[in-house]
């Protein structure tokens, strides 16, 4: 249910469970984390989904059994954040719940028109994963982060772009092509230059 395509220096990782809105099981999250931890030699990584939803978050049955509070989410987002090359979340549709962590950890976020963004932890009675609020606040500010996490608001694509939660809105048929084009300069550059710029942006 996780597809990996290594095309030259660009790895494309696809969540492929469209019949369940790409909801994530512990096994899927573990596989994603292992892929990201093993992608240190990739010059760029694109993370996307199959179908019309990027991910609805945790699989409901497994969430009730404890997945919602598992540290596997934090392991995954930490692995994404640690990638030395450019990471892009190519959001093919709605992004919800704990799945937001891996997208927040990416360097760039593209989204198709009509995608929605929400993280209903308060309604479900859970705290968000530890690094997610800080990463979100770094992108959109603390008040807007509270609007999503505490106010329970669903953010539409245009508003997400205005907030800075996503960086561009891209037509569905051009999503992966656009993501790959954004990787071109990073792939062509020296790895030391690419990772050095990334470190400078974080400091």
C-alpha atoms as a PDB file:
ATOM      1  CA  UNK A   1       0.000   0.000   0.000  1.00  0.00           C
ATOM      2  CA  UNK A   2       3.103   2.179  -0.162  1.00  0.00           C
ATOM      3  CA  UNK A   3       4.644   2.471  -3.613  1.00  0.00           C
ATOM      4  CA  UNK A   4       8.244   3.621  -4.134  1.00  0.00           C
ATOM      5  CA  UNK A   5       9.613   4.771  -7.479  1.00  0.00           C
ATOM      6  CA  UNK A   6      13.334   5.566  -7.652  1.00  0.00           C
ATOM      7  CA  UNK A   7      13.724   7.529 -10.871  1.00  0.00           C
ATOM      8  CA  UNK A   8      17.315   8.720 -11.064  1.00  0.00           C
ATOM      9  CA  UNK A   9      17.932  10.941  -8.031  1.00  0.00           C
ATOM     10  CA  UNK A  10      14.244  11.628  -7.322  1.00  0.00           C
ATOM     11  CA  UNK A  11      12.288   9.201  -5.171  1.00  0.00           C
ATOM     12  CA  UNK A  12       8.493   9.315  -5.433  1.00  0.00           C
ATOM     13  CA  UNK A  13       6.632   7.756  -2.509  1.00  0.00           C
ATOM     14  CA  UNK A  14       2.915   7.120  -3.021  1.00  0.00           C
ATOM     15  CA  UNK A  15       0.318   6.206  -0.412  1.00  0.00           C
ATOM     16  CA  UNK A  16      -1.811   3.705  -2.312  1.00  0.00           C
ATOM     17  CA  UNK A  17      -4.965   2.813  -0.414  1.00  0.00           C
ATOM     18  CA  UNK A  18      -7.568   4.904  -2.237  1.00  0.00           C
ATOM     19  CA  UNK A  19     -10.482   2.630  -1.307  1.00  0.00           C
ATOM     20  CA  UNK A  20      -9.901   3.692   2.334  1.00  0.00           C
ATOM     21  CA  UNK A  21      -9.112   7.362   1.585  1.00  0.00           C
ATOM     22  CA  UNK A  22      -5.435   6.490   2.009  1.00  0.00           C
ATOM     23  CA  UNK A  23      -5.927   6.053   5.750  1.00  0.00           C
ATOM     24  CA  UNK A  24      -2.758   4.840   7.396  1.00  0.00           C
ATOM     25  CA  UNK A  25      -2.129   1.659   9.353  1.00  0.00           C
ATOM     26  CA  UNK A  26       0.821   1.131  11.677  1.00  0.00           C
ATOM     27  CA  UNK A  27       2.437  -1.107   9.054  1.00  0.00           C
ATOM     28  CA  UNK A  28       2.074   1.605   6.398  1.00  0.00           C
ATOM     29  CA  UNK A  29       3.507   4.271   8.695  1.00  0.00           C
ATOM     30  CA  UNK A  30       6.435   2.015   9.571  1.00  0.00           C
ATOM     31  CA  UNK A  31       7.129   1.390   5.894  1.00  0.00           C
ATOM     32  CA  UNK A  32       6.980   5.125   5.167  1.00  0.00           C
ATOM     33  CA  UNK A  33       9.371   5.852   8.037  1.00  0.00           C
ATOM     34  CA  UNK A  34      11.804   3.176   6.861  1.00  0.00           C
ATOM     35  CA  UNK A  35      11.741   4.553   3.311  1.00  0.00           C
ATOM     36  CA  UNK A  36      12.435   8.087   4.538  1.00  0.00           C
ATOM     37  CA  UNK A  37      15.197   6.895   6.857  1.00  0.00           C
ATOM     38  CA  UNK A  38      16.755   5.092   3.905  1.00  0.00           C
ATOM     39  CA  UNK A  39      16.459   8.044   1.516  1.00  0.00           C
ATOM     40  CA  UNK A  40      19.582   9.865   2.672  1.00  0.00           C
ATOM     41  CA  UNK A  41      21.183   9.336  -0.746  1.00  0.00           C
ATOM     42  CA  UNK A  42      18.141  10.591  -2.659  1.00  0.00           C
ATOM     43  CA  UNK A  43      18.592  14.115  -3.977  1.00  0.00           C
ATOM     44  CA  UNK A  44      14.854  14.807  -3.758  1.00  0.00           C
ATOM     45  CA  UNK A  45      11.791  13.032  -2.383  1.00  0.00           C
ATOM     46  CA  UNK A  46       8.196  13.570  -3.528  1.00  0.00           C
ATOM     47  CA  UNK A  47       5.426  12.330  -1.254  1.00  0.00           C
ATOM     48  CA  UNK A  48       1.974  11.916  -2.790  1.00  0.00           C
ATOM     49  CA  UNK A  49      -1.170   9.786  -2.712  1.00  0.00           C
ATOM     50  CA  UNK A  50      -3.277   7.716  -5.088  1.00  0.00           C
ATOM     51  CA  UNK A  51      -6.840   8.784  -5.809  1.00  0.00           C
ATOM     52  CA  UNK A  52      -8.667  11.917  -4.690  1.00  0.00           C
ATOM     53  CA  UNK A  53      -7.508  12.101  -1.051  1.00  0.00           C
ATOM     54  CA  UNK A  54      -3.900  12.444   0.079  1.00  0.00           C
ATOM     55  CA  UNK A  55      -4.679  10.820   3.423  1.00  0.00           C
ATOM     56  CA  UNK A  56      -7.546  10.805   5.897  1.00  0.00           C
ATOM     57  CA  UNK A  57      -5.092  10.141   8.727  1.00  0.00           C
ATOM     58  CA  UNK A  58      -5.113   7.050  10.904  1.00  0.00           C
ATOM     59  CA  UNK A  59      -7.063   3.942   9.973  1.00  0.00           C
ATOM     60  CA  UNK A  60     -10.121   4.142  12.234  1.00  0.00           C
ATOM     61  CA  UNK A  61      -9.917   0.624  13.639  1.00  0.00           C
ATOM     62  CA  UNK A  62      -6.237   0.973  14.438  1.00  0.00           C
ATOM     63  CA  UNK A  63      -6.759   4.478  15.813  1.00  0.00           C
ATOM     64  CA  UNK A  64      -9.182   3.089  18.374  1.00  0.00           C
ATOM     65  CA  UNK A  65      -6.574   0.461  19.276  1.00  0.00           C
ATOM     66  CA  UNK A  66      -3.911   3.073  20.010  1.00  0.00           C
ATOM     67  CA  UNK A  67      -2.461   4.149  16.677  1.00  0.00           C
ATOM     68  CA  UNK A  68      -3.677   7.733  17.150  1.00  0.00           C
ATOM     69  CA  UNK A  69      -1.161   8.254  19.957  1.00  0.00           C
ATOM     70  CA  UNK A  70       1.659   6.049  18.663  1.00  0.00           C
ATOM     71  CA  UNK A  71       5.154   7.521  18.351  1.00  0.00           C
ATOM     72  CA  UNK A  72       5.375   6.144  14.797  1.00  0.00           C
ATOM     73  CA  UNK A  73       3.895   9.420  13.495  1.00  0.00           C
ATOM     74  CA  UNK A  74       6.721  11.379  15.105  1.00  0.00           C
ATOM     75  CA  UNK A  75       9.305   8.919  13.793  1.00  0.00           C
ATOM     76  CA  UNK A  76       7.978   9.448  10.270  1.00  0.00           C
ATOM     77  CA  UNK A  77       7.824  13.244  10.376  1.00  0.00           C
ATOM     78  CA  UNK A  78      11.282  13.355  11.952  1.00  0.00           C
ATOM     79  CA  UNK A  79      12.684  11.207   9.153  1.00  0.00           C
ATOM     80  CA  UNK A  80      11.124  13.497   6.538  1.00  0.00           C
ATOM     81  CA  UNK A  81      12.495  16.607   8.246  1.00  0.00           C
ATOM     82  CA  UNK A  82      15.981  15.070   8.371  1.00  0.00           C
ATOM     83  CA  UNK A  83      16.190  14.409   4.622  1.00  0.00           C
ATOM     84  CA  UNK A  84      19.261  16.197   3.210  1.00  0.00           C
ATOM     85  CA  UNK A  85      17.677  16.880  -0.178  1.00  0.00           C
ATOM     86  CA  UNK A  86      14.515  18.687  -1.215  1.00  0.00           C
ATOM     87  CA  UNK A  87      11.266  17.139   0.027  1.00  0.00           C
ATOM     88  CA  UNK A  88       7.928  17.983  -1.565  1.00  0.00           C
ATOM     89  CA  UNK A  89       4.440  16.975  -0.470  1.00  0.00           C
ATOM     90  CA  UNK A  90       2.424  16.739  -3.694  1.00  0.00           C
ATOM     91  CA  UNK A  91      -1.024  16.729  -2.128  1.00  0.00           C
ATOM     92  CA  UNK A  92      -3.437  15.115  -4.554  1.00  0.00           C
ATOM     93  CA  UNK A  93      -6.406  15.863  -2.283  1.00  0.00           C
ATOM     94  CA  UNK A  94      -7.537  16.397   1.282  1.00  0.00           C
ATOM     95  CA  UNK A  95      -5.007  16.106   4.102  1.00  0.00           C
ATOM     96  CA  UNK A  96      -6.375  15.247   7.536  1.00  0.00           C
ATOM     97  CA  UNK A  97      -5.349  14.354  11.048  1.00  0.00           C
ATOM     98  CA  UNK A  98      -1.981  12.864  11.873  1.00  0.00           C
ATOM     99  CA  UNK A  99      -1.110  12.600   8.190  1.00  0.00           C
ATOM    100  CA  UNK A 100      -0.514  16.346   8.302  1.00  0.00           C
ATOM    101  CA  UNK A 101       2.742  15.758  10.170  1.00  0.00           C
ATOM    102  CA  UNK A 102       4.626  14.287   7.220  1.00  0.00           C
ATOM    103  CA  UNK A 103       3.466  17.122   4.954  1.00  0.00           C
ATOM    104  CA  UNK A 104       4.435  19.781   7.503  1.00  0.00           C
ATOM    105  CA  UNK A 105       7.900  18.207   7.689  1.00  0.00           C
ATOM    106  CA  UNK A 106       8.415  18.570   3.923  1.00  0.00           C
ATOM    107  CA  UNK A 107      10.245  21.565   2.480  1.00  0.00           C
ATOM    108  CA  UNK A 108       7.430  22.427   0.048  1.00  0.00           C
ATOM    109  CA  UNK A 109       3.737  21.637  -0.235  1.00  0.00           C
ATOM    110  CA  UNK A 110       1.750  21.631  -3.488  1.00  0.00           C
ATOM    111  CA  UNK A 111      -1.982  20.949  -3.522  1.00  0.00           C
ATOM    112  CA  UNK A 112      -4.723  20.427  -6.065  1.00  0.00           C
ATOM    113  CA  UNK A 113      -7.798  22.695  -6.143  1.00  0.00           C
ATOM    114  CA  UNK A 114     -10.528  21.583  -3.759  1.00  0.00           C
ATOM    115  CA  UNK A 115      -8.232  19.957  -1.205  1.00  0.00           C
ATOM    116  CA  UNK A 116      -9.119  20.556   2.439  1.00  0.00           C
ATOM    117  CA  UNK A 117      -6.838  20.647   5.463  1.00  0.00           C
ATOM    118  CA  UNK A 118      -7.893  19.785   9.006  1.00  0.00           C
ATOM    119  CA  UNK A 119      -6.490  18.211  12.151  1.00  0.00           C
ATOM    120  CA  UNK A 120      -9.382  17.401  14.538  1.00  0.00           C
ATOM    121  CA  UNK A 121      -7.388  16.303  17.575  1.00  0.00           C
ATOM    122  CA  UNK A 122      -9.393  18.302  20.116  1.00  0.00           C
ATOM    123  CA  UNK A 123     -12.657  16.835  18.869  1.00  0.00           C
ATOM    124  CA  UNK A 124     -11.205  13.326  19.086  1.00  0.00           C
ATOM    125  CA  UNK A 125      -9.654  13.883  22.496  1.00  0.00           C
ATOM    126  CA  UNK A 126      -5.978  13.570  21.565  1.00  0.00           C
ATOM    127  CA  UNK A 127      -2.961  15.838  21.624  1.00  0.00           C
ATOM    128  CA  UNK A 128      -1.297  16.392  18.239  1.00  0.00           C
ATOM    129  CA  UNK A 129       2.044  14.760  17.613  1.00  0.00           C
ATOM    130  CA  UNK A 130       4.729  16.740  19.488  1.00  0.00           C
ATOM    131  CA  UNK A 131       6.451  18.446  16.549  1.00  0.00           C
ATOM    132  CA  UNK A 132       3.353  19.216  14.484  1.00  0.00           C
ATOM    133  CA  UNK A 133       2.135  22.409  16.228  1.00  0.00           C
ATOM    134  CA  UNK A 134       5.597  24.002  16.115  1.00  0.00           C
ATOM    135  CA  UNK A 135       6.073  23.147  12.442  1.00  0.00           C
ATOM    136  CA  UNK A 136       2.620  24.447  11.605  1.00  0.00           C
ATOM    137  CA  UNK A 137       3.163  27.634  13.611  1.00  0.00           C
ATOM    138  CA  UNK A 138       6.467  28.222  11.817  1.00  0.00           C
ATOM    139  CA  UNK A 139       4.536  28.201   8.523  1.00  0.00           C
ATOM    140  CA  UNK A 140       1.308  30.020   9.374  1.00  0.00           C
ATOM    141  CA  UNK A 141       1.799  31.580  12.814  1.00  0.00           C
ATOM    142  CA  UNK A 142       0.476  30.587  16.240  1.00  0.00           C
ATOM    143  CA  UNK A 143      -3.011  32.086  15.921  1.00  0.00           C
ATOM    144  CA  UNK A 144      -3.809  30.306  12.663  1.00  0.00           C
ATOM    145  CA  UNK A 145      -2.343  27.108  14.088  1.00  0.00           C
ATOM    146  CA  UNK A 146      -4.787  27.401  17.000  1.00  0.00           C
ATOM    147  CA  UNK A 147      -7.571  28.064  14.491  1.00  0.00           C
ATOM    148  CA  UNK A 148      -6.916  24.618  13.014  1.00  0.00           C
ATOM    149  CA  UNK A 149      -5.926  22.650  16.120  1.00  0.00           C
ATOM    150  CA  UNK A 150      -8.159  24.279  18.749  1.00  0.00           C
ATOM    151  CA  UNK A 151     -10.869  25.822  16.595  1.00  0.00           C
ATOM    152  CA  UNK A 152     -11.246  22.647  14.556  1.00  0.00           C
ATOM    153  CA  UNK A 153     -11.459  24.551  11.294  1.00  0.00           C
ATOM    154  CA  UNK A 154     -11.260  22.949   7.865  1.00  0.00           C
ATOM    155  CA  UNK A 155      -9.102  25.124   5.648  1.00  0.00           C
ATOM    156  CA  UNK A 156      -9.878  25.286   1.935  1.00  0.00           C
ATOM    157  CA  UNK A 157      -7.121  25.341  -0.674  1.00  0.00           C
ATOM    158  CA  UNK A 158      -7.246  29.087  -1.417  1.00  0.00           C
ATOM    159  CA  UNK A 159      -7.116  29.946   2.269  1.00  0.00           C
ATOM    160  CA  UNK A 160      -4.314  27.434   2.837  1.00  0.00           C
ATOM    161  CA  UNK A 161      -2.284  29.211   0.154  1.00  0.00           C
ATOM    162  CA  UNK A 162      -3.042  32.597   1.708  1.00  0.00           C
ATOM    163  CA  UNK A 163      -1.991  31.302   5.136  1.00  0.00           C
ATOM    164  CA  UNK A 164       1.245  29.760   3.810  1.00  0.00           C
ATOM    165  CA  UNK A 165       0.213  26.221   4.716  1.00  0.00           C
ATOM    166  CA  UNK A 166       0.763  25.276   1.063  1.00  0.00           C
ATOM    167  CA  UNK A 167       3.061  26.936  -1.462  1.00  0.00           C
ATOM    168  CA  UNK A 168       1.220  26.500  -4.756  1.00  0.00           C
ATOM    169  CA  UNK A 169      -2.085  25.256  -6.126  1.00  0.00           C
ATOM    170  CA  UNK A 170      -1.522  22.948  -9.097  1.00  0.00           C
ATOM    171  CA  UNK A 171      -3.939  21.210 -11.464  1.00  0.00           C
ATOM    172  CA  UNK A 172      -4.225  17.465 -10.740  1.00  0.00           C
ATOM    173  CA  UNK A 173      -2.827  16.412 -14.105  1.00  0.00           C
ATOM    174  CA  UNK A 174       0.248  18.603 -13.589  1.00  0.00           C
ATOM    175  CA  UNK A 175       0.912  17.844  -9.911  1.00  0.00           C
ATOM    176  CA  UNK A 176       3.780  15.355 -10.195  1.00  0.00           C
ATOM    177  CA  UNK A 177       5.277  17.079 -13.227  1.00  0.00           C
ATOM    178  CA  UNK A 178       5.368  20.359 -11.295  1.00  0.00           C
ATOM    179  CA  UNK A 179       6.907  18.663  -8.269  1.00  0.00           C
ATOM    180  CA  UNK A 180       9.607  17.065 -10.399  1.00  0.00           C
ATOM    181  CA  UNK A 181      10.364  20.386 -12.096  1.00  0.00           C
ATOM    182  CA  UNK A 182      10.884  21.989  -8.690  1.00  0.00           C
ATOM    183  CA  UNK A 183      13.453  19.290  -7.910  1.00  0.00           C
ATOM    184  CA  UNK A 184      15.525  19.972 -11.026  1.00  0.00           C
ATOM    185  CA  UNK A 185      17.945  22.553  -9.615  1.00  0.00           C
ATOM    186  CA  UNK A 186      18.489  20.567  -6.424  1.00  0.00           C
ATOM    187  CA  UNK A 187      19.237  17.398  -8.375  1.00  0.00           C
ATOM    188  CA  UNK A 188      21.644  19.268 -10.669  1.00  0.00           C
ATOM    189  CA  UNK A 189      23.535  20.945  -7.819  1.00  0.00           C
ATOM    190  CA  UNK A 190      26.262  19.501  -5.646  1.00  0.00           C
ATOM    191  CA  UNK A 191      24.729  17.612  -2.698  1.00  0.00           C
ATOM    192  CA  UNK A 192      26.778  19.767  -0.324  1.00  0.00           C
ATOM    193  CA  UNK A 193      25.317  22.953  -1.791  1.00  0.00           C
ATOM    194  CA  UNK A 194      21.751  21.645  -1.623  1.00  0.00           C
ATOM    195  CA  UNK A 195      22.057  20.431   1.964  1.00  0.00           C
ATOM    196  CA  UNK A 196      23.933  23.598   2.922  1.00  0.00           C
ATOM    197  CA  UNK A 197      21.156  25.848   1.630  1.00  0.00           C
ATOM    198  CA  UNK A 198      18.609  23.723   3.472  1.00  0.00           C
ATOM    199  CA  UNK A 199      20.532  24.108   6.734  1.00  0.00           C
ATOM    200  CA  UNK A 200      20.837  27.875   6.214  1.00  0.00           C
ATOM    201  CA  UNK A 201      17.089  28.195   5.694  1.00  0.00           C
ATOM    202  CA  UNK A 202      16.473  26.394   8.988  1.00  0.00           C
ATOM    203  CA  UNK A 203      18.834  28.546  11.025  1.00  0.00           C
END
